[in-house]
Amino acid sequence: MNPADLEPVFGADSHPAAKRAIEERNELFRIRAATLLKDRAWVRSAAPDALEWAMTWASVKPLARALGTGEPA
């Protein structure tokens, strides 16, 4: 789910913390998918739908900022 997906539900001014959390989650998915695709053994043994998932997430544009500091919100 992207921030744009939230607009019909919450309006254009959806909560910034929610947007940030979704962006950071998506970045973590992107990083994990790219890591999986670099593992040749995983790629050879992966189910087609898992491989498609990884390729989809790996193609997402990287986050243009650092991930959160890890401090509780």
PDB file of N, CA and C in Angstrom:
ATOM      1  N   MET A   1       0.850  -1.168   0.000  1.00  0.00           N
ATOM      2  CA  MET A   1       0.000   0.000   0.000  1.00  0.00           C
ATOM      3  C   MET A   1       0.897   1.233   0.000  1.00  0.00           C
ATOM      4  N   ASN A   2       0.598   2.151  -0.859  1.00  0.00           N
ATOM      5  CA  ASN A   2       1.360   3.379  -0.986  1.00  0.00           C
ATOM      6  C   ASN A   2       0.566   4.538  -0.404  1.00  0.00           C
ATOM      7  N   PRO A   3       1.236   5.656  -0.084  1.00  0.00           N
ATOM      8  CA  PRO A   3       0.499   6.802   0.429  1.00  0.00           C
ATOM      9  C   PRO A   3      -0.642   7.237  -0.493  1.00  0.00           C
ATOM     10  N   ALA A   4      -0.435   7.111  -1.810  1.00  0.00           N
ATOM     11  CA  ALA A   4      -1.501   7.491  -2.738  1.00  0.00           C
ATOM     12  C   ALA A   4      -2.736   6.606  -2.559  1.00  0.00           C
ATOM     13  N   ASP A   5      -2.528   5.361  -2.130  1.00  0.00           N
ATOM     14  CA  ASP A   5      -3.653   4.456  -1.895  1.00  0.00           C
ATOM     15  C   ASP A   5      -4.492   4.894  -0.702  1.00  0.00           C
ATOM     16  N   LEU A   6      -3.909   5.666   0.193  1.00  0.00           N
ATOM     17  CA  LEU A   6      -4.614   6.106   1.388  1.00  0.00           C
ATOM     18  C   LEU A   6      -5.513   7.316   1.131  1.00  0.00           C
ATOM     19  N   GLU A   7      -5.243   8.057   0.052  1.00  0.00           N
ATOM     20  CA  GLU A   7      -5.985   9.288  -0.195  1.00  0.00           C
ATOM     21  C   GLU A   7      -7.497   9.104  -0.276  1.00  0.00           C
ATOM     22  N   PRO A   8      -8.006   8.076  -0.977  1.00  0.00           N
ATOM     23  CA  PRO A   8      -9.462   7.935  -1.012  1.00  0.00           C
ATOM     24  C   PRO A   8     -10.061   7.666   0.369  1.00  0.00           C
ATOM     25  N   VAL A   9      -9.299   7.070   1.261  1.00  0.00           N
ATOM     26  CA  VAL A   9      -9.812   6.719   2.581  1.00  0.00           C
ATOM     27  C   VAL A   9      -9.641   7.887   3.551  1.00  0.00           C
ATOM     28  N   PHE A  10      -8.436   8.465   3.595  1.00  0.00           N
ATOM     29  CA  PHE A  10      -8.127   9.478   4.594  1.00  0.00           C
ATOM     30  C   PHE A  10      -8.034  10.891   4.033  1.00  0.00           C
ATOM     31  N   GLY A  11      -8.115  11.058   2.742  1.00  0.00           N
ATOM     32  CA  GLY A  11      -7.958  12.368   2.139  1.00  0.00           C
ATOM     33  C   GLY A  11      -6.497  12.635   1.826  1.00  0.00           C
ATOM     34  N   ALA A  12      -6.241  13.706   1.095  1.00  0.00           N
ATOM     35  CA  ALA A  12      -4.891  14.030   0.649  1.00  0.00           C
ATOM     36  C   ALA A  12      -3.963  14.351   1.807  1.00  0.00           C
ATOM     37  N   ASP A  13      -4.534  14.752   2.944  1.00  0.00           N
ATOM     38  CA  ASP A  13      -3.704  15.126   4.086  1.00  0.00           C
ATOM     39  C   ASP A  13      -3.639  13.990   5.110  1.00  0.00           C
ATOM     40  N   SER A  14      -3.429  12.751   4.627  1.00  0.00           N
ATOM     41  CA  SER A  14      -3.339  11.625   5.558  1.00  0.00           C
ATOM     42  C   SER A  14      -2.171  11.838   6.507  1.00  0.00           C
ATOM     43  N   HIS A  15      -2.227  11.168   7.611  1.00  0.00           N
ATOM     44  CA  HIS A  15      -1.261  11.405   8.684  1.00  0.00           C
ATOM     45  C   HIS A  15       0.170  11.167   8.209  1.00  0.00           C
ATOM     46  N   PRO A  16       1.068  12.134   8.422  1.00  0.00           N
ATOM     47  CA  PRO A  16       2.460  11.991   7.966  1.00  0.00           C
ATOM     48  C   PRO A  16       3.177  10.785   8.559  1.00  0.00           C
ATOM     49  N   ALA A  17       2.873  10.435   9.792  1.00  0.00           N
ATOM     50  CA  ALA A  17       3.534   9.282  10.412  1.00  0.00           C
ATOM     51  C   ALA A  17       3.129   7.989   9.708  1.00  0.00           C
ATOM     52  N   ALA A  18       1.875   7.903   9.289  1.00  0.00           N
ATOM     53  CA  ALA A  18       1.419   6.712   8.562  1.00  0.00           C
ATOM     54  C   ALA A  18       2.099   6.625   7.205  1.00  0.00           C
ATOM     55  N   LYS A  19       2.203   7.752   6.513  1.00  0.00           N
ATOM     56  CA  LYS A  19       2.885   7.778   5.222  1.00  0.00           C
ATOM     57  C   LYS A  19       4.335   7.331   5.369  1.00  0.00           C
ATOM     58  N   ARG A  20       4.999   7.851   6.384  1.00  0.00           N
ATOM     59  CA  ARG A  20       6.413   7.525   6.614  1.00  0.00           C
ATOM     60  C   ARG A  20       6.578   6.032   6.920  1.00  0.00           C
ATOM     61  N   ALA A  21       5.697   5.496   7.738  1.00  0.00           N
ATOM     62  CA  ALA A  21       5.776   4.078   8.094  1.00  0.00           C
ATOM     63  C   ALA A  21       5.582   3.190   6.863  1.00  0.00           C
ATOM     64  N   ILE A  22       4.652   3.544   6.002  1.00  0.00           N
ATOM     65  CA  ILE A  22       4.397   2.769   4.793  1.00  0.00           C
ATOM     66  C   ILE A  22       5.586   2.859   3.846  1.00  0.00           C
ATOM     67  N   GLU A  23       6.144   4.051   3.688  1.00  0.00           N
ATOM     68  CA  GLU A  23       7.319   4.212   2.832  1.00  0.00           C
ATOM     69  C   GLU A  23       8.499   3.387   3.348  1.00  0.00           C
ATOM     70  N   GLU A  24       8.698   3.385   4.650  1.00  0.00           N
ATOM     71  CA  GLU A  24       9.804   2.624   5.231  1.00  0.00           C
ATOM     72  C   GLU A  24       9.570   1.121   5.102  1.00  0.00           C
ATOM     73  N   ARG A  25       8.346   0.681   5.283  1.00  0.00           N
ATOM     74  CA  ARG A  25       8.028  -0.739   5.104  1.00  0.00           C
ATOM     75  C   ARG A  25       8.287  -1.167   3.663  1.00  0.00           C
ATOM     76  N   ASN A  26       7.852  -0.330   2.723  1.00  0.00           N
ATOM     77  CA  ASN A  26       8.074  -0.641   1.315  1.00  0.00           C
ATOM     78  C   ASN A  26       9.563  -0.691   0.984  1.00  0.00           C
ATOM     79  N   GLU A  27      10.362   0.184   1.579  1.00  0.00           N
ATOM     80  CA  GLU A  27      11.801   0.170   1.356  1.00  0.00           C
ATOM     81  C   GLU A  27      12.418  -1.124   1.896  1.00  0.00           C
ATOM     82  N   LEU A  28      11.959  -1.579   3.042  1.00  0.00           N
ATOM     83  CA  LEU A  28      12.462  -2.840   3.595  1.00  0.00           C
ATOM     84  C   LEU A  28      12.085  -4.017   2.699  1.00  0.00           C
ATOM     85  N   PHE A  29      10.879  -4.012   2.147  1.00  0.00           N
ATOM     86  CA  PHE A  29      10.481  -5.047   1.194  1.00  0.00           C
ATOM     87  C   PHE A  29      11.387  -5.012  -0.032  1.00  0.00           C
ATOM     88  N   ARG A  30      11.680  -3.809  -0.536  1.00  0.00           N
ATOM     89  CA  ARG A  30      12.528  -3.658  -1.716  1.00  0.00           C
ATOM     90  C   ARG A  30      13.927  -4.216  -1.448  1.00  0.00           C
ATOM     91  N   ILE A  31      14.481  -3.874  -0.296  1.00  0.00           N
ATOM     92  CA  ILE A  31      15.823  -4.349   0.063  1.00  0.00           C
ATOM     93  C   ILE A  31      15.836  -5.869   0.173  1.00  0.00           C
ATOM     94  N   ARG A  32      14.834  -6.443   0.821  1.00  0.00           N
ATOM     95  CA  ARG A  32      14.779  -7.900   0.982  1.00  0.00           C
ATOM     96  C   ARG A  32      14.632  -8.596  -0.365  1.00  0.00           C
ATOM     97  N   ALA A  33      13.785  -8.060  -1.225  1.00  0.00           N
ATOM     98  CA  ALA A  33      13.584  -8.664  -2.543  1.00  0.00           C
ATOM     99  C   ALA A  33      14.868  -8.618  -3.360  1.00  0.00           C
ATOM    100  N   ALA A  34      15.577  -7.501  -3.326  1.00  0.00           N
ATOM    101  CA  ALA A  34      16.831  -7.386  -4.066  1.00  0.00           C
ATOM    102  C   ALA A  34      17.867  -8.373  -3.530  1.00  0.00           C
ATOM    103  N   THR A  35      17.891  -8.548  -2.219  1.00  0.00           N
ATOM    104  CA  THR A  35      18.818  -9.499  -1.608  1.00  0.00           C
ATOM    105  C   THR A  35      18.492 -10.928  -2.044  1.00  0.00           C
ATOM    106  N   LEU A  36      17.224 -11.279  -2.067  1.00  0.00           N
ATOM    107  CA  LEU A  36      16.822 -12.615  -2.490  1.00  0.00           C
ATOM    108  C   LEU A  36      17.207 -12.880  -3.944  1.00  0.00           C
ATOM    109  N   LEU A  37      17.037 -11.880  -4.796  1.00  0.00           N
ATOM    110  CA  LEU A  37      17.348 -12.067  -6.207  1.00  0.00           C
ATOM    111  C   LEU A  37      18.848 -12.231  -6.456  1.00  0.00           C
ATOM    112  N   LYS A  38      19.672 -11.773  -5.537  1.00  0.00           N
ATOM    113  CA  LYS A  38      21.120 -11.949  -5.665  1.00  0.00           C
ATOM    114  C   LYS A  38      21.560 -13.358  -5.256  1.00  0.00           C
ATOM    115  N   ASP A  39      20.704 -14.075  -4.558  1.00  0.00           N
ATOM    116  CA  ASP A  39      21.006 -15.430  -4.085  1.00  0.00           C
ATOM    117  C   ASP A  39      20.609 -16.433  -5.174  1.00  0.00           C
ATOM    118  N   ARG A  40      21.597 -16.936  -5.904  1.00  0.00           N
ATOM    119  CA  ARG A  40      21.315 -17.825  -7.037  1.00  0.00           C
ATOM    120  C   ARG A  40      20.593 -19.101  -6.612  1.00  0.00           C
ATOM    121  N   ALA A  41      20.957 -19.641  -5.478  1.00  0.00           N
ATOM    122  CA  ALA A  41      20.301 -20.869  -5.009  1.00  0.00           C
ATOM    123  C   ALA A  41      18.822 -20.617  -4.749  1.00  0.00           C
ATOM    124  N   TRP A  42      18.494 -19.487  -4.173  1.00  0.00           N
ATOM    125  CA  TRP A  42      17.089 -19.164  -3.905  1.00  0.00           C
ATOM    126  C   TRP A  42      16.334 -18.985  -5.210  1.00  0.00           C
ATOM    127  N   VAL A  43      16.932 -18.265  -6.159  1.00  0.00           N
ATOM    128  CA  VAL A  43      16.259 -18.013  -7.438  1.00  0.00           C
ATOM    129  C   VAL A  43      15.963 -19.326  -8.157  1.00  0.00           C
ATOM    130  N   ARG A  44      16.910 -20.262  -8.132  1.00  0.00           N
ATOM    131  CA  ARG A  44      16.699 -21.554  -8.803  1.00  0.00           C
ATOM    132  C   ARG A  44      15.594 -22.372  -8.146  1.00  0.00           C
ATOM    133  N   SER A  45      15.461 -22.274  -6.838  1.00  0.00           N
ATOM    134  CA  SER A  45      14.487 -23.105  -6.131  1.00  0.00           C
ATOM    135  C   SER A  45      13.171 -22.386  -5.813  1.00  0.00           C
ATOM    136  N   ALA A  46      13.083 -21.105  -6.127  1.00  0.00           N
ATOM    137  CA  ALA A  46      11.894 -20.324  -5.772  1.00  0.00           C
ATOM    138  C   ALA A  46      10.689 -20.716  -6.617  1.00  0.00           C
ATOM    139  N   ALA A  47       9.540 -20.659  -6.002  1.00  0.00           N
ATOM    140  CA  ALA A  47       8.288 -20.867  -6.724  1.00  0.00           C
ATOM    141  C   ALA A  47       8.074 -19.669  -7.654  1.00  0.00           C
ATOM    142  N   PRO A  48       7.381 -19.862  -8.763  1.00  0.00           N
ATOM    143  CA  PRO A  48       7.180 -18.759  -9.707  1.00  0.00           C
ATOM    144  C   PRO A  48       6.525 -17.526  -9.075  1.00  0.00           C
ATOM    145  N   ASP A  49       5.549 -17.743  -8.191  1.00  0.00           N
ATOM    146  CA  ASP A  49       4.896 -16.586  -7.584  1.00  0.00           C
ATOM    147  C   ASP A  49       5.828 -15.860  -6.618  1.00  0.00           C
ATOM    148  N   ALA A  50       6.720 -16.573  -5.933  1.00  0.00           N
ATOM    149  CA  ALA A  50       7.692 -15.929  -5.049  1.00  0.00           C
ATOM    150  C   ALA A  50       8.707 -15.135  -5.853  1.00  0.00           C
ATOM    151  N   LEU A  51       9.113 -15.688  -6.985  1.00  0.00           N
ATOM    152  CA  LEU A  51      10.056 -14.989  -7.854  1.00  0.00           C
ATOM    153  C   LEU A  51       9.416 -13.732  -8.426  1.00  0.00           C
ATOM    154  N   GLU A  52       8.165 -13.829  -8.793  1.00  0.00           N
ATOM    155  CA  GLU A  52       7.439 -12.656  -9.307  1.00  0.00           C
ATOM    156  C   GLU A  52       7.318 -11.586  -8.222  1.00  0.00           C
ATOM    157  N   TRP A  53       7.021 -12.013  -6.984  1.00  0.00           N
ATOM    158  CA  TRP A  53       6.943 -11.071  -5.860  1.00  0.00           C
ATOM    159  C   TRP A  53       8.263 -10.329  -5.697  1.00  0.00           C
ATOM    160  N   ALA A  54       9.362 -11.073  -5.707  1.00  0.00           N
ATOM    161  CA  ALA A  54      10.681 -10.464  -5.508  1.00  0.00           C
ATOM    162  C   ALA A  54      11.017  -9.501  -6.636  1.00  0.00           C
ATOM    163  N   MET A  55      10.712  -9.873  -7.862  1.00  0.00           N
ATOM    164  CA  MET A  55      11.023  -8.987  -8.990  1.00  0.00           C
ATOM    165  C   MET A  55      10.174  -7.715  -8.938  1.00  0.00           C
ATOM    166  N   THR A  56       8.935  -7.857  -8.503  1.00  0.00           N
ATOM    167  CA  THR A  56       8.065  -6.686  -8.390  1.00  0.00           C
ATOM    168  C   THR A  56       8.597  -5.711  -7.343  1.00  0.00           C
ATOM    169  N   TRP A  57       8.927  -6.224  -6.158  1.00  0.00           N
ATOM    170  CA  TRP A  57       9.412  -5.349  -5.089  1.00  0.00           C
ATOM    171  C   TRP A  57      10.799  -4.794  -5.386  1.00  0.00           C
ATOM    172  N   ALA A  58      11.652  -5.579  -6.040  1.00  0.00           N
ATOM    173  CA  ALA A  58      13.002  -5.104  -6.351  1.00  0.00           C
ATOM    174  C   ALA A  58      12.970  -3.973  -7.368  1.00  0.00           C
ATOM    175  N   SER A  59      11.907  -3.890  -8.157  1.00  0.00           N
ATOM    176  CA  SER A  59      11.812  -2.838  -9.170  1.00  0.00           C
ATOM    177  C   SER A  59      11.266  -1.515  -8.623  1.00  0.00           C
ATOM    178  N   VAL A  60      10.849  -1.501  -7.366  1.00  0.00           N
ATOM    179  CA  VAL A  60      10.332  -0.274  -6.753  1.00  0.00           C
ATOM    180  C   VAL A  60      11.464   0.739  -6.605  1.00  0.00           C
ATOM    181  N   LYS A  61      11.157   1.989  -6.860  1.00  0.00           N
ATOM    182  CA  LYS A  61      12.156   3.054  -6.740  1.00  0.00           C
ATOM    183  C   LYS A  61      12.635   3.143  -5.282  1.00  0.00           C
ATOM    184  N   PRO A  62      13.964   3.201  -5.070  1.00  0.00           N
ATOM    185  CA  PRO A  62      14.481   3.287  -3.694  1.00  0.00           C
ATOM    186  C   PRO A  62      14.012   4.554  -2.980  1.00  0.00           C
ATOM    187  N   LEU A  63      13.913   4.462  -1.689  1.00  0.00           N
ATOM    188  CA  LEU A  63      13.522   5.595  -0.863  1.00  0.00           C
ATOM    189  C   LEU A  63      14.617   6.654  -0.937  1.00  0.00           C
ATOM    190  N   ALA A  64      14.245   7.897  -1.122  1.00  0.00           N
ATOM    191  CA  ALA A  64      15.218   8.981  -1.327  1.00  0.00           C
ATOM    192  C   ALA A  64      15.744   9.557  -0.017  1.00  0.00           C
ATOM    193  N   ARG A  65      15.412   8.927   1.078  1.00  0.00           N
ATOM    194  CA  ARG A  65      15.881   9.411   2.387  1.00  0.00           C
ATOM    195  C   ARG A  65      16.264   8.210   3.239  1.00  0.00           C
ATOM    196  N   ALA A  66      16.897   8.484   4.325  1.00  0.00           N
ATOM    197  CA  ALA A  66      17.290   7.414   5.241  1.00  0.00           C
ATOM    198  C   ALA A  66      16.042   6.844   5.929  1.00  0.00           C
ATOM    199  N   LEU A  67      16.154   5.576   6.314  1.00  0.00           N
ATOM    200  CA  LEU A  67      15.074   4.978   7.097  1.00  0.00           C
ATOM    201  C   LEU A  67      15.041   5.642   8.470  1.00  0.00           C
ATOM    202  N   GLY A  68      14.016   5.398   9.247  1.00  0.00           N
ATOM    203  CA  GLY A  68      13.871   6.010  10.563  1.00  0.00           C
ATOM    204  C   GLY A  68      15.046   5.723  11.476  1.00  0.00           C
ATOM    205  N   THR A  69      15.130   6.458  12.556  1.00  0.00           N
ATOM    206  CA  THR A  69      16.222   6.333  13.512  1.00  0.00           C
ATOM    207  C   THR A  69      16.049   5.138  14.432  1.00  0.00           C
ATOM    208  N   GLY A  70      14.868   4.542  14.441  1.00  0.00           N
ATOM    209  CA  GLY A  70      14.614   3.415  15.312  1.00  0.00           C
ATOM    210  C   GLY A  70      14.020   3.822  16.653  1.00  0.00           C
ATOM    211  N   GLU A  71      13.878   5.115  16.849  1.00  0.00           N
ATOM    212  CA  GLU A  71      13.273   5.602  18.085  1.00  0.00           C
ATOM    213  C   GLU A  71      11.768   5.379  18.019  1.00  0.00           C
ATOM    214  N   PRO A  72      11.148   5.085  19.146  1.00  0.00           N
ATOM    215  CA  PRO A  72       9.694   4.911  19.141  1.00  0.00           C
ATOM    216  C   PRO A  72       8.989   6.202  18.727  1.00  0.00           C
ATOM    217  N   ALA A  73       7.915   6.041  17.987  1.00  0.00           N
ATOM    218  CA  ALA A  73       7.173   7.220  17.502  1.00  0.00           C
ATOM    219  C   ALA A  73       6.282   7.780  18.581  1.00  0.00           C
TER     220      ALA A  73
END
